[in-house]
Amino acid sequence: MSCFSLLHPAVRRIWAKSGEAGGHGLLAHLLDVAAVAEVILRLEPPATHRMAARSMGLREADVLRWVAALVGLHDFGKAIPGFQAKWPAGHLADRQAGLSFEPAASLECDQHSRATAALLSPMLQTLCGAEFLWCLHAVQAVSAHHGYHFSAHEVANGAPRREPPAWRQARSELLEAYWAVLAPQGCPEAEAMNLPLVNWLAGLTSAADWIASNPTWFPPGERRDDLAMYHQHALQLAAQALRSVGWRAWRPLLAEAPDVAELLPRMIGRADVTVRPLQREGDVLLRSARGPSLLLVEAPMGEGKTELAFLAHLHLQAANEHRGLYRPCRPRRRATRCSSARRLFSRRSRRRGSICSWCMVAPR
């Protein structure tokens, strides 16, 4: 099916987001989230693409669309009687489209994320031909987009019981229509996904779902009748939304490697900075770093540890194509003392596409 208007009414009426204007259909929402995930990945460094392709057993040229297709399926489990009964208007529309909500036992399962984990793996394997364990891990990741990985027992009990056959038929048609639009190329060669990849995929799903669920950026409804055109428009909306939140394309913050005596003043925006021995020694070590690195620094207060942490980020972000910076900072006095350098570095980093996260943690 290439258009919303050609879908079976039941597929078209199954909702993902409730609302006064008729809510937002599930197929439309899945396409929205897939679009956001793909645009996010377009903005990420090449190292991210290489990591995902290697871990998933895919060609790098194909991996962005594959990841987007998987992420979009996060809410597949909303196409069950128990969830659809939660919104009265949506419930009524489903009934009018021919979906039954009897027997009552079919309503007991109403957790959509767990239903995704329970229902999607075998259907995904049939569609894409990947190994079943690979599909199981992919579904584990996207169904964890609310921050929780389901146990095997929870998955085994996550599917609705005694639901009428029309629900299975609607889910099958919805999935086929969705997959035909995304149409990822190739077949994963990996037998399974590793745990870091599963959690990376779960986090990406959470971010993409949060952005695509904002009705300001993604107005509810079938914004285009043709499914491929709907998806193309969703990609445009995703690019606009990411610009709105400041999610810029990755680029190295350190295009060249000047001497630390030149780099440190530029980094924090002060010309009267003197490089301390600790910072110079750390800079020498960081210039030789390749791959994931751990730098432990222990020194008295006032020796320049905060600035050395920023130096480390500059060198490692360029060498390893890192995306962001996370730095915990104690509250009150220490936070006040480090806030000036922190704010300067944060502003300069954001202008060049780095994402900085600051966390205030209580002292022990």
Protein backbone atom coordinates (compact mmCIF):
# COMPACT_ATOMS: atom_id res chain seq x y z
CA MET A 1 0.00 0.00 0.00
CA SER A 2 1.47 3.34 -1.04
CA CYS A 3 -1.11 5.73 0.43
CA PHE A 4 -2.92 6.17 3.72
CA SER A 5 -6.20 6.24 1.81
CA LEU A 6 -5.55 2.77 0.38
CA LEU A 7 -4.89 1.12 3.72
CA HIS A 8 -7.52 -0.97 5.46
CA PRO A 9 -9.56 1.35 7.72
CA ALA A 10 -8.44 -0.59 10.80
CA VAL A 11 -4.76 0.06 10.02
CA ARG A 12 -5.47 3.71 9.44
CA ARG A 13 -7.47 4.19 12.65
CA ILE A 14 -5.02 2.58 15.09
CA TRP A 15 -3.71 5.55 17.04
CA ALA A 16 -0.40 6.39 18.69
CA LYS A 17 -1.14 9.81 20.20
CA SER A 18 -4.48 10.92 21.60
CA GLY A 19 -5.78 14.43 21.02
CA GLU A 20 -8.80 16.62 20.44
CA ALA A 21 -8.21 16.84 16.69
CA GLY A 22 -8.41 13.08 16.19
CA GLY A 23 -5.01 12.18 17.56
CA HIS A 24 -2.13 10.87 15.52
CA GLY A 25 -2.13 7.51 13.77
CA LEU A 26 0.37 4.82 14.67
CA LEU A 27 1.81 4.38 11.18
CA ALA A 28 2.31 8.13 10.87
CA HIS A 29 4.07 8.30 14.24
CA LEU A 30 6.38 5.40 13.37
CA LEU A 31 7.39 7.18 10.17
CA ASP A 32 7.95 10.43 12.11
CA VAL A 33 10.27 8.76 14.62
CA ALA A 34 12.17 6.93 11.88
CA ALA A 35 12.70 10.27 10.13
CA VAL A 36 14.07 11.91 13.28
CA ALA A 37 16.45 9.01 13.92
CA GLU A 38 17.78 9.19 10.36
CA VAL A 39 18.37 12.94 10.48
CA ILE A 40 20.09 12.62 13.86
CA LEU A 41 22.46 10.04 12.39
CA ARG A 42 23.18 12.24 9.37
CA LEU A 43 24.49 14.84 11.81
CA GLU A 44 26.67 12.41 13.75
CA PRO A 45 30.39 11.81 13.18
CA PRO A 46 31.62 9.12 10.77
CA ALA A 47 32.89 7.11 13.74
CA THR A 48 29.28 6.59 14.83
CA HIS A 49 28.33 5.28 11.40
CA ARG A 50 31.33 2.93 11.39
CA MET A 51 30.53 1.65 14.86
CA ALA A 52 26.91 0.94 14.04
CA ALA A 53 27.71 -0.72 10.70
CA ARG A 54 30.41 -2.91 12.22
CA SER A 55 28.31 -3.95 15.22
CA MET A 56 25.17 -4.62 13.18
CA GLY A 57 26.88 -6.46 10.33
CA LEU A 58 25.83 -3.94 7.69
CA ARG A 59 27.50 -1.84 5.03
CA GLU A 60 28.19 1.70 6.19
CA ALA A 61 26.20 3.02 3.22
CA ASP A 62 23.11 1.14 4.43
CA VAL A 63 23.30 1.47 8.19
CA LEU A 64 21.56 4.85 8.63
CA ARG A 65 18.35 3.69 7.01
CA TRP A 66 18.49 0.36 8.85
CA VAL A 67 18.84 2.04 12.23
CA ALA A 68 16.07 4.50 11.39
CA ALA A 69 13.77 1.65 10.33
CA LEU A 70 14.36 -0.17 13.61
CA VAL A 71 13.95 2.92 15.78
CA GLY A 72 10.65 3.79 14.14
CA LEU A 73 9.19 0.43 15.22
CA HIS A 74 9.47 1.35 18.90
CA ASP A 75 5.70 1.78 19.39
CA PHE A 76 4.57 -1.19 17.30
CA GLY A 77 3.02 -2.67 20.45
CA LYS A 78 0.43 0.10 20.58
CA ALA A 79 -1.55 -1.90 18.01
CA ILE A 80 -3.16 -4.10 20.68
CA PRO A 81 -6.69 -3.98 22.16
CA GLY A 82 -5.53 -3.14 25.69
CA PHE A 83 -3.67 -0.02 24.64
CA GLN A 84 -6.18 1.13 22.04
CA ALA A 85 -8.95 0.99 24.66
CA LYS A 86 -7.22 3.69 26.75
CA TRP A 87 -8.51 6.62 24.70
CA PRO A 88 -12.31 6.65 24.35
CA ALA A 89 -12.39 8.47 21.00
CA GLY A 90 -9.70 6.23 19.57
CA HIS A 91 -11.43 3.17 20.99
CA LEU A 92 -14.65 4.15 19.22
CA ALA A 93 -12.86 4.81 15.91
CA ASP A 94 -11.20 1.39 16.11
CA ARG A 95 -14.56 -0.29 16.67
CA GLN A 96 -16.07 1.55 13.73
CA ALA A 97 -13.18 0.31 11.57
CA GLY A 98 -13.98 -3.29 12.47
CA LEU A 99 -11.65 -3.99 15.40
CA SER A 100 -13.25 -5.87 18.28
CA PHE A 101 -12.34 -5.44 21.95
CA GLU A 102 -13.82 -8.73 23.10
CA PRO A 103 -13.17 -10.92 24.96
CA ALA A 104 -12.18 -8.93 28.03
CA ALA A 105 -9.03 -11.04 28.42
CA SER A 106 -7.59 -9.35 25.33
CA LEU A 107 -7.57 -6.03 27.21
CA GLU A 108 -5.44 -7.21 30.12
CA CYS A 109 -2.19 -6.57 28.27
CA ASP A 110 -2.04 -2.79 27.85
CA GLN A 111 1.70 -1.94 28.12
CA HIS A 112 2.71 -1.02 24.60
CA SER A 113 6.48 -1.25 25.11
CA ARG A 114 6.26 -4.75 26.49
CA ALA A 115 3.89 -5.71 23.67
CA THR A 116 6.48 -4.45 21.17
CA ALA A 117 9.07 -6.70 22.81
CA ALA A 118 6.69 -9.67 22.71
CA LEU A 119 5.23 -9.31 19.21
CA LEU A 120 7.80 -7.77 16.90
CA SER A 121 10.83 -10.11 16.74
CA PRO A 122 9.38 -12.94 14.62
CA MET A 123 7.63 -10.50 12.30
CA LEU A 124 10.85 -8.51 11.87
CA GLN A 125 12.80 -11.64 11.02
CA THR A 126 10.25 -12.58 8.37
CA LEU A 127 10.57 -9.12 6.83
CA CYS A 128 14.34 -8.68 6.83
CA GLY A 129 15.79 -12.19 6.91
CA ALA A 130 18.24 -11.45 9.73
CA GLU A 131 19.20 -13.98 12.38
CA PHE A 132 16.53 -14.34 15.04
CA LEU A 133 18.91 -13.37 17.88
CA TRP A 134 19.82 -10.19 15.96
CA CYS A 135 16.13 -9.36 15.60
CA LEU A 136 15.53 -10.16 19.27
CA HIS A 137 18.28 -7.75 20.32
CA ALA A 138 17.03 -5.04 17.96
CA VAL A 139 13.54 -5.30 19.40
CA GLN A 140 14.92 -5.39 22.94
CA ALA A 141 16.62 -2.07 22.22
CA VAL A 142 13.73 -0.17 20.68
CA SER A 143 11.19 -1.51 23.19
CA ALA A 144 13.39 -0.12 25.99
CA HIS A 145 12.87 3.48 24.85
CA HIS A 146 11.19 4.34 28.17
CA GLY A 147 14.37 3.35 29.99
CA TYR A 148 13.66 -0.25 30.97
CA HIS A 149 14.83 -3.54 29.45
CA PHE A 150 12.21 -6.25 29.82
CA SER A 151 13.08 -9.63 31.27
CA ALA A 152 12.40 -12.85 29.36
CA HIS A 153 9.46 -13.53 31.67
CA GLU A 154 7.96 -10.12 31.01
CA VAL A 155 8.35 -10.55 27.26
CA ALA A 156 6.75 -14.00 27.39
CA ASN A 157 3.70 -12.47 29.05
CA GLY A 158 3.62 -9.25 27.03
CA ALA A 159 1.33 -10.25 24.15
CA PRO A 160 -2.46 -9.92 24.36
CA ARG A 161 -4.39 -13.13 25.02
CA ARG A 162 -7.29 -14.30 22.91
CA GLU A 163 -7.40 -11.20 20.74
CA PRO A 164 -9.57 -11.40 17.59
CA PRO A 165 -7.70 -12.24 14.34
CA ALA A 166 -8.38 -8.77 12.91
CA TRP A 167 -5.75 -7.29 15.22
CA ARG A 168 -3.01 -9.58 13.91
CA GLN A 169 -4.03 -8.80 10.36
CA ALA A 170 -3.95 -5.06 11.04
CA ARG A 171 -0.49 -5.26 12.64
CA SER A 172 0.82 -7.28 9.71
CA GLU A 173 -0.48 -4.79 7.12
CA LEU A 174 0.79 -1.83 9.13
CA LEU A 175 4.27 -3.35 9.40
CA GLU A 176 4.42 -4.22 5.71
CA ALA A 177 3.37 -0.70 4.72
CA TYR A 178 5.93 0.84 7.06
CA TRP A 179 8.79 -1.41 5.89
CA ALA A 180 7.99 -0.74 2.24
CA VAL A 181 8.50 2.99 2.81
CA LEU A 182 11.78 2.70 4.71
CA ALA A 183 13.04 -0.15 2.48
CA PRO A 184 16.47 -0.69 4.12
CA GLN A 185 18.95 -2.33 1.74
CA GLY A 186 20.96 -5.49 2.33
CA CYS A 187 20.67 -8.00 5.15
CA PRO A 188 22.53 -7.89 8.47
CA GLU A 189 25.40 -10.39 8.54
CA ALA A 190 25.91 -10.30 12.30
CA GLU A 191 24.32 -13.09 14.31
CA ALA A 192 23.56 -10.84 17.28
CA MET A 193 24.03 -7.33 18.69
CA ASN A 194 26.37 -6.59 21.57
CA LEU A 195 25.11 -4.92 24.73
CA PRO A 196 26.73 -1.51 24.09
CA LEU A 197 24.99 -1.35 20.71
CA VAL A 198 21.64 -2.38 22.24
CA ASN A 199 21.85 0.41 24.80
CA TRP A 200 23.04 2.94 22.20
CA LEU A 201 20.07 2.02 20.02
CA ALA A 202 17.70 2.32 23.00
CA GLY A 203 19.02 5.80 23.79
CA LEU A 204 18.73 6.93 20.20
CA THR A 205 15.15 5.66 20.16
CA SER A 206 14.29 7.65 23.28
CA ALA A 207 15.69 10.87 21.80
CA ALA A 208 14.00 10.39 18.43
CA ASP A 209 10.65 9.54 20.03
CA TRP A 210 10.81 12.59 22.32
CA ILE A 211 11.42 14.94 19.40
CA ALA A 212 8.88 13.34 17.06
CA SER A 213 6.19 13.40 19.78
CA ASN A 214 6.24 17.19 19.99
CA PRO A 215 3.10 18.38 18.13
CA THR A 216 4.68 21.78 17.52
CA TRP A 217 7.31 20.15 15.33
CA PHE A 218 5.17 17.25 14.06
CA PRO A 219 1.53 18.30 13.73
CA PRO A 220 -0.85 15.36 14.23
CA GLY A 221 -2.61 13.81 11.26
CA GLU A 222 -1.82 12.42 7.83
CA ARG A 223 0.17 15.37 6.51
CA ARG A 224 0.54 13.70 3.09
CA ASP A 225 -1.57 10.87 1.64
CA ASP A 226 1.28 9.18 -0.19
CA LEU A 227 3.36 7.29 2.39
CA ALA A 228 6.70 7.98 0.71
CA MET A 229 5.88 11.68 0.43
CA TYR A 230 4.75 11.68 4.07
CA HIS A 231 8.13 10.26 5.09
CA GLN A 232 10.05 12.75 2.96
CA HIS A 233 8.13 15.60 4.57
CA ALA A 234 8.80 14.10 8.01
CA LEU A 235 12.54 14.19 7.22
CA GLN A 236 12.20 17.92 6.54
CA LEU A 237 10.30 18.44 9.80
CA ALA A 238 12.96 16.46 11.65
CA ALA A 239 15.73 18.68 10.30
CA GLN A 240 13.82 21.76 11.42
CA ALA A 241 13.17 20.28 14.87
CA LEU A 242 16.82 19.40 15.40
CA ARG A 243 17.86 22.91 14.43
CA SER A 244 15.35 24.19 17.00
CA VAL A 245 16.97 22.20 19.82
CA GLY A 246 20.50 23.12 18.69
CA TRP A 247 21.46 19.66 17.43
CA ARG A 248 24.07 20.61 14.86
CA ALA A 249 26.26 18.54 12.60
CA TRP A 250 29.39 17.14 14.22
CA ARG A 251 32.73 18.69 13.40
CA PRO A 252 36.07 18.62 15.23
CA LEU A 253 36.52 21.42 17.74
CA LEU A 254 40.27 21.22 17.24
CA ALA A 255 41.01 21.55 13.52
CA GLU A 256 44.73 21.95 14.17
CA ALA A 257 46.95 21.25 17.16
CA PRO A 258 48.66 24.49 18.29
CA ASP A 259 50.91 24.61 21.31
CA VAL A 260 49.05 24.48 24.61
CA ALA A 261 50.28 28.01 25.43
CA GLU A 262 48.29 29.23 22.44
CA LEU A 263 45.40 26.80 22.78
CA LEU A 264 44.53 27.39 26.44
CA PRO A 265 43.83 31.15 26.16
CA ARG A 266 41.75 30.58 23.03
CA MET A 267 39.85 27.81 24.74
CA ILE A 268 38.62 29.82 27.72
CA GLY A 269 38.66 33.28 26.14
CA ARG A 270 41.32 34.89 28.34
CA ALA A 271 44.69 36.20 27.19
CA ASP A 272 46.24 36.38 30.68
CA VAL A 273 46.34 32.59 31.23
CA THR A 274 49.60 30.91 32.20
CA VAL A 275 49.95 27.24 31.37
CA ARG A 276 50.61 25.20 34.49
CA PRO A 277 52.98 22.18 34.53
CA LEU A 278 50.04 19.83 35.10
CA GLN A 279 48.28 21.14 32.00
CA ARG A 280 51.40 20.97 29.82
CA GLU A 281 52.12 17.38 30.87
CA GLY A 282 48.54 16.39 30.29
CA ASP A 283 48.56 18.03 26.87
CA VAL A 284 51.62 15.99 25.86
CA LEU A 285 49.91 12.76 26.87
CA LEU A 286 46.67 13.65 25.12
CA ARG A 287 48.39 14.38 21.79
CA SER A 288 49.45 10.74 21.59
CA ALA A 289 46.05 9.31 22.56
CA ARG A 290 44.33 7.07 20.01
CA GLY A 291 41.05 5.31 20.59
CA PRO A 292 39.02 5.26 23.83
CA SER A 293 41.12 6.72 26.63
CA LEU A 294 40.94 7.19 30.38
CA LEU A 295 42.81 10.14 31.90
CA LEU A 296 42.94 10.30 35.69
CA VAL A 297 44.11 13.56 37.22
CA GLU A 298 44.74 14.11 40.93
CA ALA A 299 46.16 17.45 42.04
CA PRO A 300 45.56 20.15 44.67
CA MET A 301 43.00 22.87 44.14
CA GLY A 302 44.16 25.62 41.80
CA GLU A 303 46.45 23.51 39.61
CA GLY A 304 44.18 23.77 36.56
CA LYS A 305 42.32 20.46 36.58
CA THR A 306 39.14 21.99 35.12
CA GLU A 307 40.99 23.49 32.16
CA LEU A 308 42.89 20.23 31.64
CA ALA A 309 39.54 18.41 31.44
CA PHE A 310 38.51 20.78 28.65
CA LEU A 311 41.86 20.21 26.90
CA ALA A 312 41.24 16.48 27.12
CA HIS A 313 37.85 16.91 25.51
CA LEU A 314 39.30 18.95 22.64
CA HIS A 315 42.01 16.40 21.84
CA LEU A 316 39.86 13.28 22.25
CA GLN A 317 36.85 14.77 20.47
CA ALA A 318 39.01 15.35 17.40
CA ALA A 319 40.98 12.08 17.61
CA ASN A 320 38.01 9.79 18.31
CA GLU A 321 35.20 11.80 16.70
CA HIS A 322 33.35 12.13 20.00
CA ARG A 323 30.03 13.93 20.05
CA GLY A 324 29.59 15.55 23.44
CA LEU A 325 30.96 16.43 26.84
CA TYR A 326 29.52 15.51 30.23
CA ARG A 327 31.03 17.07 33.33
CA PRO A 328 29.65 16.74 36.86
CA CYS A 329 30.21 19.77 39.07
CA ARG A 330 29.61 20.11 42.80
CA PRO A 331 27.10 22.78 43.87
CA ARG A 332 27.57 26.13 45.56
CA ARG A 333 31.16 27.24 46.09
CA ARG A 334 32.94 24.94 43.67
CA ALA A 335 30.26 25.37 41.02
CA THR A 336 30.60 29.14 41.35
CA ARG A 337 34.38 28.96 41.09
CA CYS A 338 34.37 26.87 37.92
CA SER A 339 31.32 28.49 36.32
CA SER A 340 33.19 31.22 34.41
CA ALA A 341 35.51 28.88 32.52
CA ARG A 342 32.70 26.40 32.14
CA ARG A 343 30.32 28.91 30.56
CA LEU A 344 32.97 30.22 28.16
CA PHE A 345 33.95 26.74 27.02
CA SER A 346 30.33 25.65 26.73
CA ARG A 347 29.38 28.62 24.54
CA ARG A 348 32.36 28.15 22.25
CA SER A 349 31.71 24.40 21.96
CA ARG A 350 28.02 24.80 21.15
CA ARG A 351 28.83 27.24 18.36
CA ARG A 352 30.94 24.51 16.75
CA GLY A 353 28.41 21.71 17.14
CA SER A 354 29.49 20.03 20.37
CA ILE A 355 26.86 19.06 22.92
CA CYS A 356 27.76 19.91 26.51
CA SER A 357 25.94 18.48 29.50
CA TRP A 358 26.51 19.81 33.02
CA CYS A 359 25.28 17.94 36.07
CA MET A 360 25.18 19.31 39.60
CA VAL A 361 25.94 16.51 42.07
CA ALA A 362 25.76 16.78 45.83
CA PRO A 363 28.98 16.34 47.82
CA ARG A 364 29.49 13.09 49.67
